[in-house]
Every structure is written in structure tokens, then in C-alpha cells.
Amino acid sequence: MMAAQFPLDLVDELERTLPSYHLYVPSPVLFELEKIKKRSKGKNKIAASIALKIAKSPPFKLKEVELLKGEMVDDALLRISQVLCTNDRELRTKARERGISVVYLRQRRYLAVDGHLKL
């Protein structure tokens, strides 16, 4: 939802940061954004709506992911990701502990990478 919260062209920044990667949005993330959009009001509802619109448009592709029994969305992301884009501090920490490179928003203006990208 950071694209709606900060002055950033997310697609341009992702293409700059990850030029040779395919950008996938796992289906559980879309479901989670839909829930936020339906249950929230104000800024969160608007942010979720914008995030959904961006996630459903190129260069992003939907990746069907089935949650395992008792698995939360964050756990599924950790299970399937080679590179993870998130600003969630706890999720970033867990990803780095598992050797997953993390792309995150830095200084509210650009994306940075924590870890090594395989180009």
C-alpha cells in the first residue's frame, strides 16, 4: 500500500531496482488487500484500492498460491519468495533471517535492497 501513501512511482522504482526480475503478486496478497478495502474507511480504504489497481496491472502478474493448513499470508510469502518487496519490519526481519533479499521503501522516496540480488 506504500504507493498510495508516499510520493513514489512504484513501477519505475521497481524496474530500476529489479531490472531483470519478473514481478509477481501472490493471490493471498490480493485477497488480503480486498479484505482491507472492504473493512476499512478513509486512508486505509483508499490505499488498499490503489494498491489493488496497481497489483492488477502490468508489469505485475498474478501468481496463484495456495495457503497451507494454518498458514498466514506472511508465512506463504516467506515460503515462496526469492526477493520480497515489503515495508513490514517484522516480515523484513524474518525474510533476511531466511536469506531472502528484501526490497523496501527508504526515506519515503526510493526503493532499496537489503541482501544480494542475483542478476
C-alpha atoms as a PDB file:
ATOM      1  CA  MET A   1       0.000   0.000   0.000  1.00  0.00           C
ATOM      2  CA  MET A   2       3.073   2.235   0.056  1.00  0.00           C
ATOM      3  CA  ALA A   3       2.404   3.502  -3.480  1.00  0.00           C
ATOM      4  CA  ALA A   4      -0.680   5.298  -2.184  1.00  0.00           C
ATOM      5  CA  GLN A   5       0.995   6.597   0.957  1.00  0.00           C
ATOM      6  CA  PHE A   6       4.211   8.126  -0.410  1.00  0.00           C
ATOM      7  CA  PRO A   7       5.195  10.220  -3.457  1.00  0.00           C
ATOM      8  CA  LEU A   8       6.777   7.382  -5.412  1.00  0.00           C
ATOM      9  CA  ASP A   9       6.334   5.903  -8.867  1.00  0.00           C
ATOM     10  CA  LEU A  10       6.378   2.323  -7.659  1.00  0.00           C
ATOM     11  CA  VAL A  11       6.581   0.675 -11.080  1.00  0.00           C
ATOM     12  CA  ASP A  12       9.507   2.854 -12.226  1.00  0.00           C
ATOM     13  CA  GLU A  13      11.322   2.271  -8.935  1.00  0.00           C
ATOM     14  CA  LEU A  14      10.792  -1.494  -9.104  1.00  0.00           C
ATOM     15  CA  GLU A  15      12.022  -1.612 -12.690  1.00  0.00           C
ATOM     16  CA  ARG A  16      15.081   0.439 -11.668  1.00  0.00           C
ATOM     17  CA  THR A  17      15.776  -1.721  -8.617  1.00  0.00           C
ATOM     18  CA  LEU A  18      14.906  -5.113 -10.160  1.00  0.00           C
ATOM     19  CA  PRO A  19      15.583  -4.710 -13.905  1.00  0.00           C
ATOM     20  CA  SER A  20      15.860  -8.408 -14.742  1.00  0.00           C
ATOM     21  CA  TYR A  21      13.153  -9.782 -12.449  1.00  0.00           C
ATOM     22  CA  HIS A  22       9.539 -10.715 -13.127  1.00  0.00           C
ATOM     23  CA  LEU A  23       7.147  -9.016 -10.714  1.00  0.00           C
ATOM     24  CA  TYR A  24       4.524 -11.331  -9.220  1.00  0.00           C
ATOM     25  CA  VAL A  25       1.719 -10.594  -6.803  1.00  0.00           C
ATOM     26  CA  PRO A  26       0.709 -13.736  -4.891  1.00  0.00           C
ATOM     27  CA  SER A  27      -3.048 -14.338  -4.811  1.00  0.00           C
ATOM     28  CA  PRO A  28      -3.233 -14.248  -0.972  1.00  0.00           C
ATOM     29  CA  VAL A  29      -1.905 -10.674  -1.083  1.00  0.00           C
ATOM     30  CA  LEU A  30      -4.764  -9.655  -3.390  1.00  0.00           C
ATOM     31  CA  PHE A  31      -7.273 -11.343  -1.075  1.00  0.00           C
ATOM     32  CA  GLU A  32      -5.769  -9.501   1.908  1.00  0.00           C
ATOM     33  CA  LEU A  33      -5.994  -6.158   0.085  1.00  0.00           C
ATOM     34  CA  GLU A  34      -9.632  -6.882  -0.831  1.00  0.00           C
ATOM     35  CA  LYS A  35     -10.398  -7.523   2.859  1.00  0.00           C
ATOM     36  CA  ILE A  36      -8.693  -4.275   3.889  1.00  0.00           C
ATOM     37  CA  LYS A  37     -10.631  -2.376   1.230  1.00  0.00           C
ATOM     38  CA  LYS A  38     -13.975  -3.813   2.392  1.00  0.00           C
ATOM     39  CA  ARG A  39     -13.386  -3.449   6.136  1.00  0.00           C
ATOM     40  CA  SER A  40     -11.580  -0.112   6.256  1.00  0.00           C
ATOM     41  CA  LYS A  41     -12.516   3.519   5.901  1.00  0.00           C
ATOM     42  CA  GLY A  42     -10.636   6.639   4.934  1.00  0.00           C
ATOM     43  CA  LYS A  43      -6.936   6.474   4.100  1.00  0.00           C
ATOM     44  CA  ASN A  44      -6.588   2.702   4.521  1.00  0.00           C
ATOM     45  CA  LYS A  45      -9.503   2.033   2.181  1.00  0.00           C
ATOM     46  CA  ILE A  46      -8.083   4.400  -0.436  1.00  0.00           C
ATOM     47  CA  ALA A  47      -4.578   2.933  -0.068  1.00  0.00           C
ATOM     48  CA  ALA A  48      -5.894  -0.622  -0.468  1.00  0.00           C
ATOM     49  CA  SER A  49      -7.896   0.392  -3.561  1.00  0.00           C
ATOM     50  CA  ILE A  50      -4.851   1.980  -5.180  1.00  0.00           C
ATOM     51  CA  ALA A  51      -2.653  -0.997  -4.247  1.00  0.00           C
ATOM     52  CA  LEU A  52      -5.172  -3.379  -5.833  1.00  0.00           C
ATOM     53  CA  LYS A  53      -5.309  -1.333  -9.019  1.00  0.00           C
ATOM     54  CA  ILE A  54      -1.508  -1.307  -9.290  1.00  0.00           C
ATOM     55  CA  ALA A  55      -1.172  -5.011  -8.420  1.00  0.00           C
ATOM     56  CA  LYS A  56      -3.621  -5.999 -11.161  1.00  0.00           C
ATOM     57  CA  SER A  57      -1.862  -4.043 -13.913  1.00  0.00           C
ATOM     58  CA  PRO A  58       1.369  -4.601 -15.872  1.00  0.00           C
ATOM     59  CA  PRO A  59       4.190  -5.284 -15.203  1.00  0.00           C
ATOM     60  CA  PHE A  60       2.743  -7.279 -12.292  1.00  0.00           C
ATOM     61  CA  LYS A  61       1.497 -10.809 -12.848  1.00  0.00           C
ATOM     62  CA  LEU A  62      -0.798 -12.799 -10.591  1.00  0.00           C
ATOM     63  CA  LYS A  63       0.762 -15.884  -9.022  1.00  0.00           C
ATOM     64  CA  GLU A  64      -1.760 -18.372  -7.702  1.00  0.00           C
ATOM     65  CA  VAL A  65      -0.581 -19.515  -4.281  1.00  0.00           C
ATOM     66  CA  GLU A  66      -2.477 -21.836  -2.013  1.00  0.00           C
ATOM     67  CA  LEU A  67      -2.116 -21.267   1.713  1.00  0.00           C
ATOM     68  CA  LEU A  68      -1.112 -24.402   3.562  1.00  0.00           C
ATOM     69  CA  LYS A  69      -3.242 -25.516   6.502  1.00  0.00           C
ATOM     70  CA  GLY A  70      -2.882 -22.927   9.284  1.00  0.00           C
ATOM     71  CA  GLU A  71      -0.539 -20.773   7.193  1.00  0.00           C
ATOM     72  CA  MET A  72      -0.797 -16.984   7.307  1.00  0.00           C
ATOM     73  CA  VAL A  73      -0.151 -14.768   4.267  1.00  0.00           C
ATOM     74  CA  ASP A  74       3.241 -13.628   5.591  1.00  0.00           C
ATOM     75  CA  ASP A  75       4.312 -17.254   6.073  1.00  0.00           C
ATOM     76  CA  ALA A  76       3.328 -18.061   2.485  1.00  0.00           C
ATOM     77  CA  LEU A  77       5.336 -15.081   1.232  1.00  0.00           C
ATOM     78  CA  LEU A  78       8.379 -16.358   3.111  1.00  0.00           C
ATOM     79  CA  ARG A  79       7.829 -19.826   1.667  1.00  0.00           C
ATOM     80  CA  ILE A  80       7.619 -18.755  -1.999  1.00  0.00           C
ATOM     81  CA  SER A  81       9.767 -15.609  -2.321  1.00  0.00           C
ATOM     82  CA  GLN A  82      13.230 -15.227  -3.777  1.00  0.00           C
ATOM     83  CA  VAL A  83      13.022 -11.452  -3.409  1.00  0.00           C
ATOM     84  CA  LEU A  84      10.336  -9.882  -1.235  1.00  0.00           C
ATOM     85  CA  CYS A  85       9.047  -6.302  -1.530  1.00  0.00           C
ATOM     86  CA  THR A  86       7.664  -5.113   1.799  1.00  0.00           C
ATOM     87  CA  ASN A  87       7.854  -2.314   4.319  1.00  0.00           C
ATOM     88  CA  ASP A  88       6.627  -4.543   7.144  1.00  0.00           C
ATOM     89  CA  ARG A  89       9.535  -4.508   9.608  1.00  0.00           C
ATOM     90  CA  GLU A  90       8.777  -7.905  11.142  1.00  0.00           C
ATOM     91  CA  LEU A  91       8.374  -9.543   7.733  1.00  0.00           C
ATOM     92  CA  ARG A  92      11.618  -7.935   6.524  1.00  0.00           C
ATOM     93  CA  THR A  93      13.478  -9.369   9.514  1.00  0.00           C
ATOM     94  CA  LYS A  94      12.069 -12.865   9.008  1.00  0.00           C
ATOM     95  CA  ALA A  95      12.915 -12.744   5.299  1.00  0.00           C
ATOM     96  CA  ARG A  96      16.518 -11.705   5.928  1.00  0.00           C
ATOM     97  CA  GLU A  97      16.887 -14.460   8.562  1.00  0.00           C
ATOM     98  CA  ARG A  98      15.903 -16.937   5.820  1.00  0.00           C
ATOM     99  CA  GLY A  99      18.293 -15.450   3.267  1.00  0.00           C
ATOM    100  CA  ILE A 100      15.579 -13.764   1.198  1.00  0.00           C
ATOM    101  CA  SER A 101      16.570 -10.403  -0.294  1.00  0.00           C
ATOM    102  CA  VAL A 102      14.183  -7.599   0.637  1.00  0.00           C
ATOM    103  CA  VAL A 103      13.200  -4.516  -1.346  1.00  0.00           C
ATOM    104  CA  TYR A 104      11.809  -1.751   0.860  1.00  0.00           C
ATOM    105  CA  LEU A 105      10.987   1.943   0.828  1.00  0.00           C
ATOM    106  CA  ARG A 106      13.805   4.155   2.064  1.00  0.00           C
ATOM    107  CA  GLN A 107      13.410   7.789   3.110  1.00  0.00           C
ATOM    108  CA  ARG A 108       9.890   7.741   1.641  1.00  0.00           C
ATOM    109  CA  ARG A 109      11.350   8.443  -1.806  1.00  0.00           C
ATOM    110  CA  TYR A 110      13.061   5.409  -3.302  1.00  0.00           C
ATOM    111  CA  LEU A 111      13.417   1.643  -3.026  1.00  0.00           C
ATOM    112  CA  ALA A 112      16.480  -0.006  -1.509  1.00  0.00           C
ATOM    113  CA  VAL A 113      17.621  -3.629  -1.361  1.00  0.00           C
ATOM    114  CA  ASP A 114      18.668  -5.496   1.760  1.00  0.00           C
ATOM    115  CA  GLY A 115      20.575  -8.599   0.685  1.00  0.00           C
ATOM    116  CA  HIS A 116      22.150  -9.716  -2.577  1.00  0.00           C
ATOM    117  CA  LEU A 117      20.193  -9.837  -5.813  1.00  0.00           C
ATOM    118  CA  LYS A 118      21.108 -12.495  -8.350  1.00  0.00           C
ATOM    119  CA  LEU A 119      21.202 -10.723 -11.693  1.00  0.00           C
END
